Amino acid sequence: MDIIKEDSENILNTYNRFKVVLESGNKEILKDINGKEYIDFSSGIGTNVFGACDEKWVEAVCNQAHTLQHTSNLYYSIPQVKLAKLLIEKTNMKKVFFSNSGAESNEGAIKAARKYSFDKYGLGRSEIITLEGSFHGRTIATLSATGQDVFHQYFFPFVGDFKYAKVNDIEGLKSLINEHTCAIMIETVQGEGGVNALDPEFIKFIDKICKEKDLVFIVDEVQTGNGRTGYLYSYMEYDVHPNIVTTAKGLAGGLPFGAILFDDKLQHTLSYGMHATTFGGNPICAAAAYSVLSRIDDKLLDHVKECRKIIDEELKNDKNVIKTTGKGLMVGVELKEGIKASDVVNRCIEKGLIPLTAKNRIRLLPPLNISFDNLKKGLKILKEALEG
């Protein structure tokens, strides 16, 4: 079977795929249908926390599949409860709602923020401030929340009452807050926007102004969460306390799963019938997530930070690299003018490395437990590819 041809004939053409048919994998090594091996610097866009086919993850998924693959949320579920308890213990939040994706988690956060404001202040206080360069999902509401004009096309009308502040501009953000504002929503590192980390003082100001004005502080941890930046959730680096935290991607290690975490202020905002899902909290996905989350410990997070030091050291003097951005193993590589990120990725793939792009930067999202040896081998391939 010609997989690429069959794909183009049968699957909606919404992805600009690279010419690779991946078939199997083990940890940070992937194989295509011809048996060629690749070092994985993508993790399925940050989802495979422990790489491909991690043994403990596979065991958790298989055990649950043999026990109960799905049940309605009208009944109680052991995997959901175990995972919810662990999430709350690790974050000090109060309640969790399980979804199927990052976009769904962010959609639920938007609903909860507006509901909180409506309950307390009535109509007319529904504006949410997000940031220029942000990305929050591909539903109509989360596209509307996304602060990039390139996404505000075709699907009109978009959802109203979103404003976009410039990144790290405290005075500009303050000027957007008025009697209609109900929430501020951020990513601490803007992944799709170019792997740009926000200034710590800007994050701390948002936390402070939200508390002062009773705004809902939402942190979108879809890509930054679950150990990716060297912290369990990236906001934990800054001594701030969001009211809502959204997560997905790496949470279930490669299965479609998300969560919305609520603090004490928001824990009772959504009640019976106000938000629901058929598959959210699916037992197999919840068991997978428990396997992942229970193993994100200080040793793994220290490994992530050590890996980042190696990446920065290896690339800092490369003549084709301006700088590295992001946090932990969420890495942006800004390239010298004239070098196209997509061309570099194609050359990397030819040489046996799978990275990503974000805008015109190379984006690196390796498994969090990648070996130092394979990390260095992958960086060697990247530097060779940068030479052209």
Protein backbone atom coordinates (compact mmCIF):
# COMPACT_ATOMS: atom_id res chain seq x y z
CA MET A 1 0.00 0.00 0.00
CA ASP A 2 1.24 3.46 -0.88
CA ILE A 3 0.41 5.13 2.45
CA ILE A 4 1.14 8.69 1.30
CA LYS A 5 -1.02 8.30 -1.80
CA GLU A 6 -3.85 6.63 0.14
CA ASP A 7 -3.68 9.37 2.76
CA SER A 8 -4.05 12.13 0.17
CA GLU A 9 -6.98 10.35 -1.45
CA ASN A 10 -8.92 9.53 1.72
CA ILE A 11 -8.02 11.96 4.52
CA LEU A 12 -9.01 15.62 4.53
CA ASN A 13 -6.00 17.62 3.43
CA THR A 14 -5.61 19.90 6.46
CA TYR A 15 -2.01 18.94 7.33
CA ASN A 16 1.14 19.80 5.42
CA ARG A 17 2.76 16.48 6.25
CA PHE A 18 6.45 15.68 5.98
CA LYS A 19 7.21 12.72 3.70
CA VAL A 20 7.71 10.18 6.48
CA VAL A 21 5.48 7.21 7.36
CA LEU A 22 6.23 6.37 10.99
CA GLU A 23 5.40 2.84 12.04
CA SER A 24 6.88 2.09 15.47
CA GLY A 25 8.96 3.49 18.27
CA ASN A 26 10.76 2.86 21.51
CA LYS A 27 11.39 5.75 23.89
CA GLU A 28 13.11 8.53 21.87
CA ILE A 29 13.76 6.36 18.80
CA LEU A 30 11.14 6.11 16.03
CA LYS A 31 11.13 3.89 12.95
CA ASP A 32 9.50 4.39 9.56
CA ILE A 33 8.02 1.68 7.34
CA ASN A 34 11.42 1.14 5.72
CA GLY A 35 13.12 0.48 9.04
CA LYS A 36 14.97 3.81 9.13
CA GLU A 37 15.49 5.14 12.65
CA TYR A 38 14.97 8.71 13.84
CA ILE A 39 15.77 10.48 17.09
CA ASP A 40 12.50 12.04 18.21
CA PHE A 41 12.71 15.72 19.10
CA SER A 42 8.95 16.18 18.70
CA SER A 43 7.15 13.81 21.12
CA GLY A 44 4.01 14.03 18.99
CA ILE A 45 4.07 17.81 19.57
CA GLY A 46 4.79 17.44 23.26
CA THR A 47 2.46 14.57 24.12
CA ASN A 48 4.71 11.52 24.56
CA VAL A 49 6.24 12.54 27.89
CA PHE A 50 8.20 9.29 28.24
CA GLY A 51 8.60 8.72 24.51
CA ALA A 52 7.09 5.98 22.38
CA CYS A 53 5.65 2.83 23.93
CA ASP A 54 6.94 3.47 27.44
CA GLU A 55 6.57 0.11 29.23
CA LYS A 56 4.80 1.36 32.36
CA TRP A 57 2.42 3.46 30.28
CA VAL A 58 1.64 0.50 28.00
CA GLU A 59 0.99 -1.69 31.04
CA ALA A 60 -1.40 0.86 32.56
CA VAL A 61 -3.30 1.26 29.27
CA CYS A 62 -3.54 -2.49 28.63
CA ASN A 63 -4.61 -3.32 32.17
CA GLN A 64 -7.42 -0.77 32.00
CA ALA A 65 -8.44 -1.91 28.50
CA HIS A 66 -8.85 -5.41 29.90
CA THR A 67 -10.90 -4.05 32.82
CA LEU A 68 -13.30 -1.39 31.47
CA GLN A 69 -12.62 0.72 28.39
CA HIS A 70 -15.40 3.28 28.87
CA THR A 71 -18.37 4.20 31.00
CA SER A 72 -20.68 7.19 31.09
CA ASN A 73 -19.90 10.12 33.35
CA LEU A 74 -23.31 9.44 34.91
CA TYR A 75 -21.46 6.79 36.93
CA TYR A 76 -18.39 6.89 39.16
CA SER A 77 -15.03 5.76 37.79
CA ILE A 78 -12.03 4.58 39.79
CA PRO A 79 -9.33 5.81 37.34
CA GLN A 80 -10.91 9.29 37.26
CA VAL A 81 -10.98 9.60 41.03
CA LYS A 82 -7.39 8.36 41.46
CA LEU A 83 -6.13 10.81 38.85
CA ALA A 84 -8.16 13.75 40.15
CA LYS A 85 -6.86 13.18 43.67
CA LEU A 86 -3.26 13.05 42.42
CA LEU A 87 -3.67 16.23 40.34
CA ILE A 88 -5.11 18.11 43.28
CA GLU A 89 -2.40 16.87 45.64
CA LYS A 90 0.33 17.99 43.24
CA THR A 91 -1.16 21.42 42.46
CA ASN A 92 -3.12 22.43 45.60
CA MET A 93 -6.09 23.25 43.38
CA LYS A 94 -9.59 22.22 44.54
CA LYS A 95 -11.51 20.54 41.72
CA VAL A 96 -10.85 19.08 38.28
CA PHE A 97 -12.94 18.58 35.15
CA PHE A 98 -11.70 16.08 32.54
CA SER A 99 -11.92 16.85 28.83
CA ASN A 100 -10.54 15.37 25.60
CA SER A 101 -8.09 18.03 24.40
CA GLY A 102 -6.38 21.32 25.08
CA ALA A 103 -8.92 23.27 23.04
CA GLU A 104 -11.77 21.71 25.03
CA SER A 105 -10.01 22.51 28.29
CA ASN A 106 -9.57 26.14 27.25
CA GLU A 107 -13.18 26.31 26.06
CA GLY A 108 -14.30 25.14 29.50
CA ALA A 109 -12.05 27.70 31.18
CA ILE A 110 -13.61 30.50 29.12
CA LYS A 111 -17.09 29.33 30.09
CA ALA A 112 -16.18 29.08 33.77
CA ALA A 113 -14.60 32.55 33.86
CA ARG A 114 -17.65 34.17 32.30
CA LYS A 115 -20.02 32.20 34.53
CA TYR A 116 -18.12 33.30 37.66
CA SER A 117 -18.36 36.94 36.62
CA PHE A 118 -22.04 36.66 35.66
CA ASP A 119 -22.92 35.05 38.99
CA LYS A 120 -21.20 37.80 40.97
CA TYR A 121 -21.62 40.92 38.81
CA GLY A 122 -24.37 40.19 36.29
CA LEU A 123 -24.40 40.96 32.57
CA GLY A 124 -21.80 43.13 30.88
CA ARG A 125 -18.64 41.78 32.52
CA SER A 126 -17.51 39.16 30.01
CA GLU A 127 -14.34 40.45 28.29
CA ILE A 128 -11.29 38.22 28.42
CA ILE A 129 -7.81 39.59 27.77
CA THR A 130 -5.32 37.27 26.09
CA LEU A 131 -1.93 38.06 24.58
CA GLU A 132 -0.70 38.84 21.11
CA GLY A 133 1.08 35.75 19.77
CA SER A 134 -0.98 33.39 21.91
CA PHE A 135 -2.58 30.16 20.75
CA HIS A 136 -5.44 28.55 22.67
CA GLY A 137 -7.06 26.08 20.25
CA ARG A 138 -9.07 25.61 17.07
CA THR A 139 -12.68 25.74 18.21
CA ILE A 140 -14.45 28.98 17.35
CA ALA A 141 -14.14 30.32 20.90
CA THR A 142 -10.51 29.31 21.37
CA LEU A 143 -9.58 30.65 17.94
CA SER A 144 -11.22 33.90 19.03
CA ALA A 145 -9.09 33.84 22.19
CA THR A 146 -5.95 33.27 20.13
CA GLY A 147 -4.04 36.51 19.66
CA GLN A 148 -2.81 35.94 16.10
CA ASP A 149 -4.51 37.55 13.08
CA VAL A 150 -3.52 34.62 10.87
CA PHE A 151 -6.06 32.47 12.72
CA HIS A 152 -8.87 35.03 12.45
CA GLN A 153 -9.82 34.17 8.90
CA TYR A 154 -12.65 32.41 7.04
CA PHE A 155 -14.77 31.25 9.98
CA PHE A 156 -16.68 34.47 10.65
CA PRO A 157 -18.23 35.60 12.88
CA PHE A 158 -15.80 34.90 15.68
CA VAL A 159 -16.79 35.01 19.34
CA GLY A 160 -16.74 38.54 20.74
CA ASP A 161 -15.40 40.06 23.95
CA PHE A 162 -11.75 39.14 23.54
CA LYS A 163 -8.96 41.73 23.71
CA TYR A 164 -5.27 41.18 23.03
CA ALA A 165 -2.46 42.74 25.05
CA LYS A 166 1.14 43.06 23.94
CA VAL A 167 3.46 40.57 25.57
CA ASN A 168 5.36 41.92 28.61
CA ASP A 169 3.71 45.36 28.32
CA ILE A 170 2.32 46.01 31.79
CA GLU A 171 1.01 49.50 31.03
CA GLY A 172 -0.61 48.30 27.82
CA LEU A 173 -2.34 45.48 29.69
CA LYS A 174 -3.55 47.85 32.39
CA SER A 175 -5.10 50.11 29.74
CA LEU A 176 -7.27 47.22 28.48
CA ILE A 177 -8.76 46.39 31.87
CA ASN A 178 -12.12 48.04 32.56
CA GLU A 179 -15.51 47.37 34.13
CA HIS A 180 -16.26 44.79 31.40
CA THR A 181 -13.17 42.63 32.03
CA CYS A 182 -13.71 39.25 33.66
CA ALA A 183 -10.45 37.34 33.05
CA ILE A 184 -6.87 37.32 31.78
CA MET A 185 -5.65 34.20 30.00
CA ILE A 186 -1.98 33.46 29.22
CA GLU A 187 0.58 30.84 28.27
CA THR A 188 3.79 31.35 30.25
CA VAL A 189 5.65 30.18 27.13
CA GLN A 190 3.90 30.84 23.82
CA GLY A 191 4.48 27.62 21.90
CA GLU A 192 2.76 28.10 18.54
CA GLY A 193 3.64 31.79 18.73
CA GLY A 194 7.37 31.06 18.44
CA VAL A 195 8.37 29.46 21.77
CA ASN A 196 8.61 32.78 23.60
CA ALA A 197 8.75 32.85 27.40
CA LEU A 198 6.93 35.69 29.16
CA ASP A 199 8.84 37.98 31.47
CA PRO A 200 8.48 36.81 35.11
CA GLU A 201 7.51 40.30 36.30
CA PHE A 202 4.73 40.43 33.70
CA ILE A 203 3.35 37.09 34.94
CA LYS A 204 3.51 38.27 38.55
CA PHE A 205 1.74 41.52 37.65
CA ILE A 206 -1.11 39.58 36.04
CA ASP A 207 -1.47 37.47 39.18
CA LYS A 208 -1.54 40.64 41.32
CA ILE A 209 -3.99 42.65 39.19
CA CYS A 210 -6.38 39.69 38.92
CA LYS A 211 -6.52 39.42 42.69
CA GLU A 212 -6.98 43.18 43.13
CA LYS A 213 -9.83 43.44 40.61
CA ASP A 214 -11.41 40.00 41.15
CA LEU A 215 -10.53 38.86 37.64
CA VAL A 216 -10.14 35.20 36.81
CA PHE A 217 -6.49 34.34 36.13
CA ILE A 218 -6.29 31.48 33.60
CA VAL A 219 -3.00 29.78 32.76
CA ASP A 220 -3.05 27.66 29.62
CA GLU A 221 -0.65 24.79 30.36
CA VAL A 222 -1.65 22.67 27.37
CA GLN A 223 1.91 22.60 26.02
CA THR A 224 3.92 23.91 28.98
CA GLY A 225 2.44 21.49 31.52
CA ASN A 226 3.28 18.02 32.79
CA GLY A 227 6.98 18.66 33.29
CA ARG A 228 7.75 20.19 29.89
CA THR A 229 9.43 23.36 31.24
CA GLY A 230 11.24 21.67 34.12
CA TYR A 231 8.34 22.25 36.54
CA LEU A 232 5.23 20.12 36.91
CA TYR A 233 3.24 23.13 35.65
CA SER A 234 5.11 26.14 34.38
CA TYR A 235 3.33 28.70 36.58
CA MET A 236 4.94 27.04 39.61
CA GLU A 237 8.26 28.68 38.73
CA TYR A 238 6.85 32.16 39.42
CA ASP A 239 5.12 31.94 42.81
CA VAL A 240 1.75 32.86 41.32
CA HIS A 241 -1.65 31.30 41.96
CA PRO A 242 -3.98 31.04 38.95
CA ASN A 243 -7.69 30.45 39.46
CA ILE A 244 -7.90 28.08 36.49
CA VAL A 245 -5.19 25.89 34.97
CA THR A 246 -5.82 24.04 31.71
CA THR A 247 -3.75 21.09 30.54
CA ALA A 248 -3.72 18.33 27.90
CA LYS A 249 -1.00 17.14 25.44
CA GLY A 250 1.46 15.28 27.72
CA LEU A 251 -1.06 14.55 30.44
CA ALA A 252 -2.01 11.09 29.14
CA GLY A 253 1.26 10.41 27.34
CA GLY A 254 -0.17 10.23 23.83
CA LEU A 255 -3.88 9.57 24.34
CA PRO A 256 -6.49 12.34 23.81
CA PHE A 257 -7.07 13.73 27.28
CA GLY A 258 -7.26 17.11 29.00
CA ALA A 259 -8.14 18.66 32.32
CA ILE A 260 -9.32 21.95 33.80
CA LEU A 261 -8.16 22.64 37.36
CA PHE A 262 -10.11 25.09 39.53
CA ASP A 263 -9.03 26.83 42.73
CA ASP A 264 -11.24 27.53 45.74
CA LYS A 265 -12.66 30.70 44.11
CA LEU A 266 -13.91 28.85 41.02
CA GLN A 267 -14.55 25.37 42.37
CA HIS A 268 -18.33 25.75 42.57
CA THR A 269 -18.88 27.90 39.45
CA LEU A 270 -19.92 25.07 37.12
CA SER A 271 -22.62 22.79 38.52
CA TYR A 272 -25.03 20.11 37.27
CA GLY A 273 -25.72 20.33 33.53
CA MET A 274 -23.51 23.38 32.87
CA HIS A 275 -20.60 21.50 31.33
CA ALA A 276 -20.27 17.88 30.21
CA THR A 277 -18.59 15.46 27.84
CA THR A 278 -19.09 11.88 26.70
CA PHE A 279 -15.46 10.80 26.54
CA GLY A 280 -13.80 13.18 29.02
CA GLY A 281 -12.28 11.19 31.87
CA ASN A 282 -12.32 7.99 29.80
CA PRO A 283 -10.97 5.20 32.05
CA ILE A 284 -8.16 4.15 29.68
CA CYS A 285 -7.01 7.74 29.21
CA ALA A 286 -7.27 8.41 32.95
CA ALA A 287 -5.21 5.31 33.74
CA ALA A 288 -2.60 6.45 31.20
CA ALA A 289 -2.54 9.92 32.75
CA TYR A 290 -2.12 8.49 36.24
CA SER A 291 0.87 6.49 35.00
CA VAL A 292 2.42 9.63 33.53
CA LEU A 293 1.65 12.07 36.35
CA SER A 294 2.74 9.73 39.14
CA ARG A 295 6.21 9.50 37.57
CA ILE A 296 6.83 13.22 37.01
CA ASP A 297 9.05 13.70 40.04
CA ASP A 298 11.97 15.91 41.05
CA LYS A 299 14.48 13.52 39.46
CA LEU A 300 12.75 13.77 36.07
CA LEU A 301 12.36 17.55 36.34
CA ASP A 302 16.06 17.90 37.20
CA HIS A 303 16.85 15.80 34.12
CA VAL A 304 14.77 18.19 31.99
CA LYS A 305 16.77 21.14 33.33
CA GLU A 306 20.08 19.36 32.69
CA CYS A 307 18.99 18.57 29.13
CA ARG A 308 18.23 22.25 28.59
CA LYS A 309 21.73 23.21 29.73
CA ILE A 310 23.19 20.80 27.17
CA ILE A 311 20.99 22.22 24.39
CA ASP A 312 21.93 25.81 25.19
CA GLU A 313 25.62 24.95 25.46
CA GLU A 314 25.66 23.03 22.16
CA LEU A 315 23.87 25.75 20.20
CA LYS A 316 25.15 28.97 21.77
CA ASN A 317 28.16 29.34 19.47
CA ASP A 318 26.57 27.97 16.28
CA LYS A 319 26.94 30.61 13.59
CA ASN A 320 23.48 29.80 12.20
CA VAL A 321 21.70 30.28 15.55
CA ILE A 322 20.81 33.68 16.97
CA LYS A 323 19.49 32.36 20.29
CA THR A 324 17.49 29.65 21.99
CA THR A 325 14.15 30.53 23.59
CA GLY A 326 11.51 28.89 25.77
CA LYS A 327 11.95 26.88 28.96
CA GLY A 328 13.14 23.37 29.79
CA LEU A 329 12.50 20.94 26.94
CA MET A 330 10.20 23.39 25.20
CA VAL A 331 12.88 24.92 23.02
CA GLY A 332 12.81 27.49 20.26
CA VAL A 333 15.85 27.94 18.03
CA GLU A 334 15.94 31.34 16.35
CA LEU A 335 17.78 31.09 13.07
CA LYS A 336 20.04 33.50 11.25
CA GLU A 337 18.20 35.53 8.61
CA GLY A 338 17.80 33.69 5.34
CA ILE A 339 17.58 30.20 6.83
CA LYS A 340 14.10 28.66 6.55
CA ALA A 341 13.06 26.49 9.48
CA SER A 342 11.07 24.14 7.24
CA ASP A 343 14.15 23.51 5.07
CA VAL A 344 16.20 22.68 8.15
CA VAL A 345 13.54 20.26 9.37
CA ASN A 346 13.52 18.47 6.02
CA ARG A 347 17.30 18.09 6.15
CA CYS A 348 17.07 16.84 9.74
CA ILE A 349 14.55 14.18 8.72
CA GLU A 350 16.84 13.03 5.91
CA LYS A 351 19.63 12.63 8.48
CA GLY A 352 17.48 10.83 11.09
CA LEU A 353 16.11 13.52 13.40
CA ILE A 354 12.51 14.67 13.83
CA PRO A 355 12.17 18.27 15.09
CA LEU A 356 9.32 20.75 14.62
CA THR A 357 8.82 24.37 13.63
CA ALA A 358 7.10 27.33 15.29
CA LYS A 359 6.87 30.40 13.05
CA ASN A 360 10.37 30.50 11.52
CA ARG A 361 12.03 28.88 14.48
CA ILE A 362 13.04 25.29 14.97
CA ARG A 363 11.01 23.87 17.86
CA LEU A 364 12.40 21.02 19.97
CA LEU A 365 10.08 18.99 22.22
CA PRO A 366 11.95 15.76 23.01
CA PRO A 367 10.63 13.16 25.45
CA LEU A 368 11.36 14.38 28.98
CA ASN A 369 13.45 11.29 29.78
CA ILE A 370 15.57 11.40 26.61
CA SER A 371 19.07 10.06 27.23
CA PHE A 372 21.93 12.54 27.24
CA ASP A 373 23.60 10.42 24.55
CA ASN A 374 20.67 10.61 22.11
CA LEU A 375 20.09 14.27 22.95
CA LYS A 376 23.68 15.06 21.91
CA LYS A 377 23.39 12.88 18.78
CA GLY A 378 20.23 14.73 17.81
CA LEU A 379 21.84 18.13 18.36
CA LYS A 380 24.79 17.04 16.18
CA ILE A 381 22.34 16.21 13.38
CA LEU A 382 20.58 19.56 13.87
CA LYS A 383 23.83 21.48 13.60
CA GLU A 384 24.75 19.56 10.44
CA ALA A 385 21.34 20.36 8.97
CA LEU A 386 21.80 24.05 9.77
CA GLU A 387 24.88 24.05 7.55
CA GLY A 388 22.65 23.29 4.53
